PDB file of N, CA and C in Angstrom:
ATOM      1  N   UNK A   1     -19.952  -9.931  -8.554  1.00  0.00           N
ATOM      2  CA  UNK A   1     -19.497 -11.244  -8.135  1.00  0.00           C
ATOM      3  C   UNK A   1     -18.442 -11.075  -7.055  1.00  0.00           C
ATOM      4  N   UNK A   2     -18.480 -11.949  -6.072  1.00  0.00           N
ATOM      5  CA  UNK A   2     -17.539 -11.880  -4.957  1.00  0.00           C
ATOM      6  C   UNK A   2     -16.126 -12.195  -5.418  1.00  0.00           C
ATOM      7  N   UNK A   3     -15.183 -11.565  -4.761  1.00  0.00           N
ATOM      8  CA  UNK A   3     -13.772 -11.826  -5.034  1.00  0.00           C
ATOM      9  C   UNK A   3     -13.200 -12.573  -3.842  1.00  0.00           C
ATOM     10  N   UNK A   4     -12.231 -13.431  -4.108  1.00  0.00           N
ATOM     11  CA  UNK A   4     -11.629 -14.234  -3.057  1.00  0.00           C
ATOM     12  C   UNK A   4     -10.120 -14.081  -3.076  1.00  0.00           C
ATOM     13  N   UNK A   5      -9.534 -14.196  -1.898  1.00  0.00           N
ATOM     14  CA  UNK A   5      -8.090 -14.118  -1.731  1.00  0.00           C
ATOM     15  C   UNK A   5      -7.630 -15.475  -1.206  1.00  0.00           C
ATOM     16  N   UNK A   6      -6.885 -16.190  -2.022  1.00  0.00           N
ATOM     17  CA  UNK A   6      -6.368 -17.504  -1.629  1.00  0.00           C
ATOM     18  C   UNK A   6      -4.930 -17.314  -1.198  1.00  0.00           C
ATOM     19  N   UNK A   7      -4.626 -17.784  -0.007  1.00  0.00           N
ATOM     20  CA  UNK A   7      -3.260 -17.670   0.509  1.00  0.00           C
ATOM     21  C   UNK A   7      -2.705 -19.067   0.765  1.00  0.00           C
ATOM     22  N   UNK A   8      -1.555 -19.312   0.176  1.00  0.00           N
ATOM     23  CA  UNK A   8      -0.874 -20.597   0.350  1.00  0.00           C
ATOM     24  C   UNK A   8       0.414 -20.333   1.107  1.00  0.00           C
ATOM     25  N   UNK A   9       0.570 -20.984   2.238  1.00  0.00           N
ATOM     26  CA  UNK A   9       1.792 -20.828   3.034  1.00  0.00           C
ATOM     27  C   UNK A   9       2.908 -21.603   2.336  1.00  0.00           C
ATOM     28  N   UNK A  10       3.797 -20.877   1.706  1.00  0.00           N
ATOM     29  CA  UNK A  10       4.874 -21.479   0.928  1.00  0.00           C
ATOM     30  C   UNK A  10       5.857 -22.297   1.731  1.00  0.00           C
ATOM     31  N   UNK A  11       5.945 -22.045   3.023  1.00  0.00           N
ATOM     32  CA  UNK A  11       6.869 -22.813   3.860  1.00  0.00           C
ATOM     33  C   UNK A  11       6.221 -24.072   4.427  1.00  0.00           C
ATOM     34  N   UNK A  12       4.900 -24.124   4.426  1.00  0.00           N
ATOM     35  CA  UNK A  12       4.184 -25.308   4.919  1.00  0.00           C
ATOM     36  C   UNK A  12       3.864 -26.276   3.793  1.00  0.00           C
ATOM     37  N   UNK A  13       3.599 -25.762   2.607  1.00  0.00           N
ATOM     38  CA  UNK A  13       3.213 -26.565   1.446  1.00  0.00           C
ATOM     39  C   UNK A  13       4.359 -27.475   1.013  1.00  0.00           C
ATOM     40  N   UNK A  14       4.045 -28.751   0.799  1.00  0.00           N
ATOM     41  CA  UNK A  14       5.033 -29.725   0.327  1.00  0.00           C
ATOM     42  C   UNK A  14       4.913 -30.000  -1.169  1.00  0.00           C
ATOM     43  N   UNK A  15       4.034 -29.287  -1.856  1.00  0.00           N
ATOM     44  CA  UNK A  15       3.903 -29.475  -3.297  1.00  0.00           C
ATOM     45  C   UNK A  15       3.321 -30.815  -3.698  1.00  0.00           C
ATOM     46  N   UNK A  16       2.379 -31.325  -2.924  1.00  0.00           N
ATOM     47  CA  UNK A  16       1.785 -32.640  -3.210  1.00  0.00           C
ATOM     48  C   UNK A  16       0.888 -32.617  -4.447  1.00  0.00           C
ATOM     49  N   UNK A  17       0.466 -31.434  -4.874  1.00  0.00           N
ATOM     50  CA  UNK A  17      -0.354 -31.203  -6.066  1.00  0.00           C
ATOM     51  C   UNK A  17      -1.826 -31.575  -5.927  1.00  0.00           C
ATOM     52  N   UNK A  18      -2.285 -31.919  -4.730  1.00  0.00           N
ATOM     53  CA  UNK A  18      -3.712 -32.230  -4.571  1.00  0.00           C
ATOM     54  C   UNK A  18      -4.576 -31.015  -4.893  1.00  0.00           C
ATOM     55  N   UNK A  19      -4.150 -29.850  -4.457  1.00  0.00           N
ATOM     56  CA  UNK A  19      -4.926 -28.634  -4.749  1.00  0.00           C
ATOM     57  C   UNK A  19      -4.983 -28.369  -6.247  1.00  0.00           C
ATOM     58  N   UNK A  20      -3.890 -28.647  -6.931  1.00  0.00           N
ATOM     59  CA  UNK A  20      -3.843 -28.462  -8.390  1.00  0.00           C
ATOM     60  C   UNK A  20      -4.875 -29.376  -9.051  1.00  0.00           C
ATOM     61  N   UNK A  21      -4.938 -30.616  -8.607  1.00  0.00           N
ATOM     62  CA  UNK A  21      -5.859 -31.599  -9.182  1.00  0.00           C
ATOM     63  C   UNK A  21      -7.327 -31.282  -8.904  1.00  0.00           C
ATOM     64  N   UNK A  22      -7.612 -30.733  -7.711  1.00  0.00           N
ATOM     65  CA  UNK A  22      -9.000 -30.542  -7.309  1.00  0.00           C
ATOM     66  C   UNK A  22      -9.575 -29.167  -7.615  1.00  0.00           C
ATOM     67  N   UNK A  23      -8.756 -28.223  -8.032  1.00  0.00           N
ATOM     68  CA  UNK A  23      -9.268 -26.886  -8.345  1.00  0.00           C
ATOM     69  C   UNK A  23     -10.117 -26.945  -9.620  1.00  0.00           C
ATOM     70  N   UNK A  24     -11.410 -26.623  -9.522  1.00  0.00           N
ATOM     71  CA  UNK A  24     -12.270 -26.708 -10.709  1.00  0.00           C
ATOM     72  C   UNK A  24     -11.939 -25.662 -11.775  1.00  0.00           C
ATOM     73  N   UNK A  25     -11.317 -24.569 -11.387  1.00  0.00           N
ATOM     74  CA  UNK A  25     -10.959 -23.508 -12.330  1.00  0.00           C
ATOM     75  C   UNK A  25      -9.531 -23.652 -12.860  1.00  0.00           C
ATOM     76  N   UNK A  26      -8.778 -24.596 -12.323  1.00  0.00           N
ATOM     77  CA  UNK A  26      -7.393 -24.863 -12.765  1.00  0.00           C
ATOM     78  C   UNK A  26      -6.527 -23.607 -12.686  1.00  0.00           C
ATOM     79  N   UNK A  27      -6.597 -22.920 -11.536  1.00  0.00           N
ATOM     80  CA  UNK A  27      -5.822 -21.694 -11.363  1.00  0.00           C
ATOM     81  C   UNK A  27      -4.622 -21.883 -10.439  1.00  0.00           C
ATOM     82  N   UNK A  28      -4.384 -23.112  -9.983  1.00  0.00           N
ATOM     83  CA  UNK A  28      -3.266 -23.393  -9.087  1.00  0.00           C
ATOM     84  C   UNK A  28      -2.210 -24.190  -9.841  1.00  0.00           C
ATOM     85  N   UNK A  29      -0.956 -23.831  -9.615  1.00  0.00           N
ATOM     86  CA  UNK A  29       0.165 -24.535 -10.251  1.00  0.00           C
ATOM     87  C   UNK A  29       1.269 -24.707  -9.212  1.00  0.00           C
ATOM     88  N   UNK A  30       2.214 -25.556  -9.524  1.00  0.00           N
ATOM     89  CA  UNK A  30       3.373 -25.742  -8.655  1.00  0.00           C
ATOM     90  C   UNK A  30       4.440 -24.730  -9.071  1.00  0.00           C
ATOM     91  N   UNK A  31       4.968 -24.056  -8.088  1.00  0.00           N
ATOM     92  CA  UNK A  31       5.953 -23.000  -8.309  1.00  0.00           C
ATOM     93  C   UNK A  31       7.313 -23.572  -8.705  1.00  0.00           C
ATOM     94  N   UNK A  32       8.111 -22.774  -9.372  1.00  0.00           N
ATOM     95  CA  UNK A  32       9.487 -23.167  -9.665  1.00  0.00           C
ATOM     96  C   UNK A  32      10.390 -22.825  -8.481  1.00  0.00           C
ATOM     97  N   UNK A  33       9.855 -22.046  -7.546  1.00  0.00           N
ATOM     98  CA  UNK A  33      10.568 -21.669  -6.320  1.00  0.00           C
ATOM     99  C   UNK A  33      10.688 -22.882  -5.393  1.00  0.00           C
ATOM    100  N   UNK A  34      11.799 -23.021  -4.727  1.00  0.00           N
ATOM    101  CA  UNK A  34      11.997 -24.106  -3.755  1.00  0.00           C
ATOM    102  C   UNK A  34      12.027 -23.476  -2.364  1.00  0.00           C
ATOM    103  N   UNK A  35      11.214 -24.007  -1.444  1.00  0.00           N
ATOM    104  CA  UNK A  35      11.174 -23.443  -0.098  1.00  0.00           C
ATOM    105  C   UNK A  35      12.335 -23.967   0.754  1.00  0.00           C
ATOM    106  N   UNK A  36      12.408 -23.532   1.994  1.00  0.00           N
ATOM    107  CA  UNK A  36      13.512 -23.904   2.887  1.00  0.00           C
ATOM    108  C   UNK A  36      13.586 -25.401   3.173  1.00  0.00           C
ATOM    109  N   UNK A  37      12.473 -26.101   2.983  1.00  0.00           N
ATOM    110  CA  UNK A  37      12.443 -27.551   3.226  1.00  0.00           C
ATOM    111  C   UNK A  37      12.756 -28.361   1.975  1.00  0.00           C
ATOM    112  N   UNK A  38      12.969 -27.676   0.846  1.00  0.00           N
ATOM    113  CA  UNK A  38      13.316 -28.353  -0.396  1.00  0.00           C
ATOM    114  C   UNK A  38      12.143 -28.714  -1.289  1.00  0.00           C
ATOM    115  N   UNK A  39      10.963 -28.184  -0.981  1.00  0.00           N
ATOM    116  CA  UNK A  39       9.766 -28.466  -1.769  1.00  0.00           C
ATOM    117  C   UNK A  39       9.429 -27.290  -2.683  1.00  0.00           C
ATOM    118  N   UNK A  40       8.749 -27.584  -3.763  1.00  0.00           N
ATOM    119  CA  UNK A  40       8.203 -26.544  -4.648  1.00  0.00           C
ATOM    120  C   UNK A  40       6.740 -26.368  -4.279  1.00  0.00           C
ATOM    121  N   UNK A  41       6.390 -25.280  -3.608  1.00  0.00           N
ATOM    122  CA  UNK A  41       5.012 -25.089  -3.154  1.00  0.00           C
ATOM    123  C   UNK A  41       4.056 -24.696  -4.279  1.00  0.00           C
ATOM    124  N   UNK A  42       2.793 -24.845  -3.997  1.00  0.00           N
ATOM    125  CA  UNK A  42       1.750 -24.422  -4.942  1.00  0.00           C
ATOM    126  C   UNK A  42       1.638 -22.909  -4.921  1.00  0.00           C
ATOM    127  N   UNK A  43       1.115 -22.361  -6.016  1.00  0.00           N
ATOM    128  CA  UNK A  43       0.866 -20.927  -6.098  1.00  0.00           C
ATOM    129  C   UNK A  43      -0.362 -20.684  -6.965  1.00  0.00           C
ATOM    130  N   UNK A  44      -0.997 -19.547  -6.742  1.00  0.00           N
ATOM    131  CA  UNK A  44      -2.178 -19.173  -7.518  1.00  0.00           C
ATOM    132  C   UNK A  44      -1.723 -18.416  -8.754  1.00  0.00           C
ATOM    133  N   UNK A  45      -2.215 -18.825  -9.906  1.00  0.00           N
ATOM    134  CA  UNK A  45      -1.834 -18.159 -11.155  1.00  0.00           C
ATOM    135  C   UNK A  45      -2.783 -17.033 -11.548  1.00  0.00           C
ATOM    136  N   UNK A  46      -4.079 -17.251 -11.343  1.00  0.00           N
ATOM    137  CA  UNK A  46      -5.075 -16.260 -11.772  1.00  0.00           C
ATOM    138  C   UNK A  46      -6.111 -16.067 -10.654  1.00  0.00           C
ATOM    139  N   UNK A  47      -5.730 -15.306  -9.646  1.00  0.00           N
ATOM    140  CA  UNK A  47      -6.570 -15.112  -8.464  1.00  0.00           C
ATOM    141  C   UNK A  47      -7.964 -14.600  -8.821  1.00  0.00           C
ATOM    142  N   UNK A  48      -8.063 -13.756  -9.838  1.00  0.00           N
ATOM    143  CA  UNK A  48      -9.349 -13.168 -10.203  1.00  0.00           C
ATOM    144  C   UNK A  48     -10.363 -14.198 -10.698  1.00  0.00           C
ATOM    145  N   UNK A  49      -9.914 -15.408 -11.020  1.00  0.00           N
ATOM    146  CA  UNK A  49     -10.823 -16.454 -11.487  1.00  0.00           C
ATOM    147  C   UNK A  49     -11.308 -17.381 -10.370  1.00  0.00           C
ATOM    148  N   UNK A  50     -10.816 -17.181  -9.155  1.00  0.00           N
ATOM    149  CA  UNK A  50     -11.212 -18.035  -8.028  1.00  0.00           C
ATOM    150  C   UNK A  50     -12.695 -17.826  -7.716  1.00  0.00           C
ATOM    151  N   UNK A  51     -13.430 -18.937  -7.529  1.00  0.00           N
ATOM    152  CA  UNK A  51     -14.860 -18.871  -7.217  1.00  0.00           C
ATOM    153  C   UNK A  51     -15.133 -19.146  -5.733  1.00  0.00           C
ATOM    154  N   UNK A  52     -14.086 -19.345  -4.946  1.00  0.00           N
ATOM    155  CA  UNK A  52     -14.243 -19.533  -3.509  1.00  0.00           C
ATOM    156  C   UNK A  52     -14.841 -20.862  -3.097  1.00  0.00           C
ATOM    157  N   UNK A  53     -14.667 -21.895  -3.893  1.00  0.00           N
ATOM    158  CA  UNK A  53     -15.271 -23.202  -3.587  1.00  0.00           C
ATOM    159  C   UNK A  53     -14.581 -23.921  -2.416  1.00  0.00           C
ATOM    160  N   UNK A  54     -13.358 -23.540  -2.107  1.00  0.00           N
ATOM    161  CA  UNK A  54     -12.561 -24.088  -1.006  1.00  0.00           C
ATOM    162  C   UNK A  54     -12.101 -25.520  -1.221  1.00  0.00           C
ATOM    163  N   UNK A  55     -12.227 -26.030  -2.436  1.00  0.00           N
ATOM    164  CA  UNK A  55     -11.775 -27.400  -2.710  1.00  0.00           C
ATOM    165  C   UNK A  55     -10.290 -27.565  -2.391  1.00  0.00           C
ATOM    166  N   UNK A  56      -9.500 -26.568  -2.750  1.00  0.00           N
ATOM    167  CA  UNK A  56      -8.055 -26.646  -2.511  1.00  0.00           C
ATOM    168  C   UNK A  56      -7.749 -26.744  -1.018  1.00  0.00           C
ATOM    169  N   UNK A  57      -8.405 -25.912  -0.228  1.00  0.00           N
ATOM    170  CA  UNK A  57      -8.170 -25.902   1.217  1.00  0.00           C
ATOM    171  C   UNK A  57      -8.642 -27.201   1.865  1.00  0.00           C
ATOM    172  N   UNK A  58      -9.738 -27.748   1.379  1.00  0.00           N
ATOM    173  CA  UNK A  58     -10.274 -28.982   1.961  1.00  0.00           C
ATOM    174  C   UNK A  58      -9.392 -30.195   1.703  1.00  0.00           C
ATOM    175  N   UNK A  59      -8.728 -30.254   0.559  1.00  0.00           N
ATOM    176  CA  UNK A  59      -7.900 -31.426   0.245  1.00  0.00           C
ATOM    177  C   UNK A  59      -6.454 -31.273   0.713  1.00  0.00           C
ATOM    178  N   UNK A  60      -6.059 -30.083   1.133  1.00  0.00           N
ATOM    179  CA  UNK A  60      -4.667 -29.859   1.540  1.00  0.00           C
ATOM    180  C   UNK A  60      -4.358 -30.621   2.834  1.00  0.00           C
ATOM    181  N   UNK A  61      -3.461 -31.621   2.765  1.00  0.00           N
ATOM    182  CA  UNK A  61      -3.156 -32.404   3.963  1.00  0.00           C
ATOM    183  C   UNK A  61      -2.333 -31.637   4.990  1.00  0.00           C
ATOM    184  N   UNK A  62      -1.757 -30.511   4.596  1.00  0.00           N
ATOM    185  CA  UNK A  62      -0.907 -29.733   5.498  1.00  0.00           C
ATOM    186  C   UNK A  62      -1.584 -28.486   6.044  1.00  0.00           C
ATOM    187  N   UNK A  63      -2.812 -28.217   5.633  1.00  0.00           N
ATOM    188  CA  UNK A  63      -3.517 -27.029   6.095  1.00  0.00           C
ATOM    189  C   UNK A  63      -2.813 -25.746   5.679  1.00  0.00           C
ATOM    190  N   UNK A  64      -2.181 -25.778   4.505  1.00  0.00           N
ATOM    191  CA  UNK A  64      -1.378 -24.648   4.038  1.00  0.00           C
ATOM    192  C   UNK A  64      -2.182 -23.617   3.255  1.00  0.00           C
ATOM    193  N   UNK A  65      -3.474 -23.871   3.039  1.00  0.00           N
ATOM    194  CA  UNK A  65      -4.274 -22.984   2.194  1.00  0.00           C
ATOM    195  C   UNK A  65      -5.416 -22.356   2.989  1.00  0.00           C
ATOM    196  N   UNK A  66      -5.528 -21.044   2.878  1.00  0.00           N
ATOM    197  CA  UNK A  66      -6.622 -20.296   3.502  1.00  0.00           C
ATOM    198  C   UNK A  66      -7.294 -19.477   2.413  1.00  0.00           C
ATOM    199  N   UNK A  67      -8.617 -19.355   2.505  1.00  0.00           N
ATOM    200  CA  UNK A  67      -9.370 -18.582   1.522  1.00  0.00           C
ATOM    201  C   UNK A  67     -10.197 -17.532   2.266  1.00  0.00           C
ATOM    202  N   UNK A  68     -10.094 -16.298   1.775  1.00  0.00           N
ATOM    203  CA  UNK A  68     -10.795 -15.187   2.385  1.00  0.00           C
ATOM    204  C   UNK A  68     -11.665 -14.522   1.335  1.00  0.00           C
ATOM    205  N   UNK A  69     -12.875 -14.172   1.740  1.00  0.00           N
ATOM    206  CA  UNK A  69     -13.774 -13.448   0.847  1.00  0.00           C
ATOM    207  C   UNK A  69     -13.500 -11.964   1.025  1.00  0.00           C
ATOM    208  N   UNK A  70     -13.238 -11.291  -0.070  1.00  0.00           N
ATOM    209  CA  UNK A  70     -12.989  -9.857  -0.004  1.00  0.00           C
ATOM    210  C   UNK A  70     -14.301  -9.126   0.086  1.00  0.00           C
ATOM    211  N   UNK A  71     -14.373  -8.177   0.971  1.00  0.00           N
ATOM    212  CA  UNK A  71     -15.584  -7.380   1.160  1.00  0.00           C
ATOM    213  C   UNK A  71     -15.760  -6.440  -0.032  1.00  0.00           C
ATOM    214  N   UNK A  72     -16.965  -6.340  -0.491  1.00  0.00           N
ATOM    215  CA  UNK A  72     -17.270  -5.430  -1.592  1.00  0.00           C
ATOM    216  C   UNK A  72     -17.215  -3.996  -1.081  1.00  0.00           C
ATOM    217  N   UNK A  73     -16.563  -3.138  -1.826  1.00  0.00           N
ATOM    218  CA  UNK A  73     -16.499  -1.731  -1.429  1.00  0.00           C
ATOM    219  C   UNK A  73     -17.794  -1.030  -1.833  1.00  0.00           C
ATOM    220  N   UNK A  74     -18.258  -0.168  -0.969  1.00  0.00           N
ATOM    221  CA  UNK A  74     -19.549   0.508  -1.206  1.00  0.00           C
ATOM    222  C   UNK A  74     -19.345   1.872  -1.754  1.00  0.00           C
TER     223      UNK A  74
END
């Protein structure tokens, strides 16, 4: 099964929680960390469970989420 790397830009994310609501695997949560702008950004809790559906990236109004497919090692 393919593995995915989800990257959330902690300085761009405003913690709106849309990604949390739309993730079908419920692997995204709001961090207790506060960024330089005073927001608590989203973070991935269980990266190994990501199915690469891109729902989080599609609903992010700030474009703070990128998803990369990891190449399988041969």
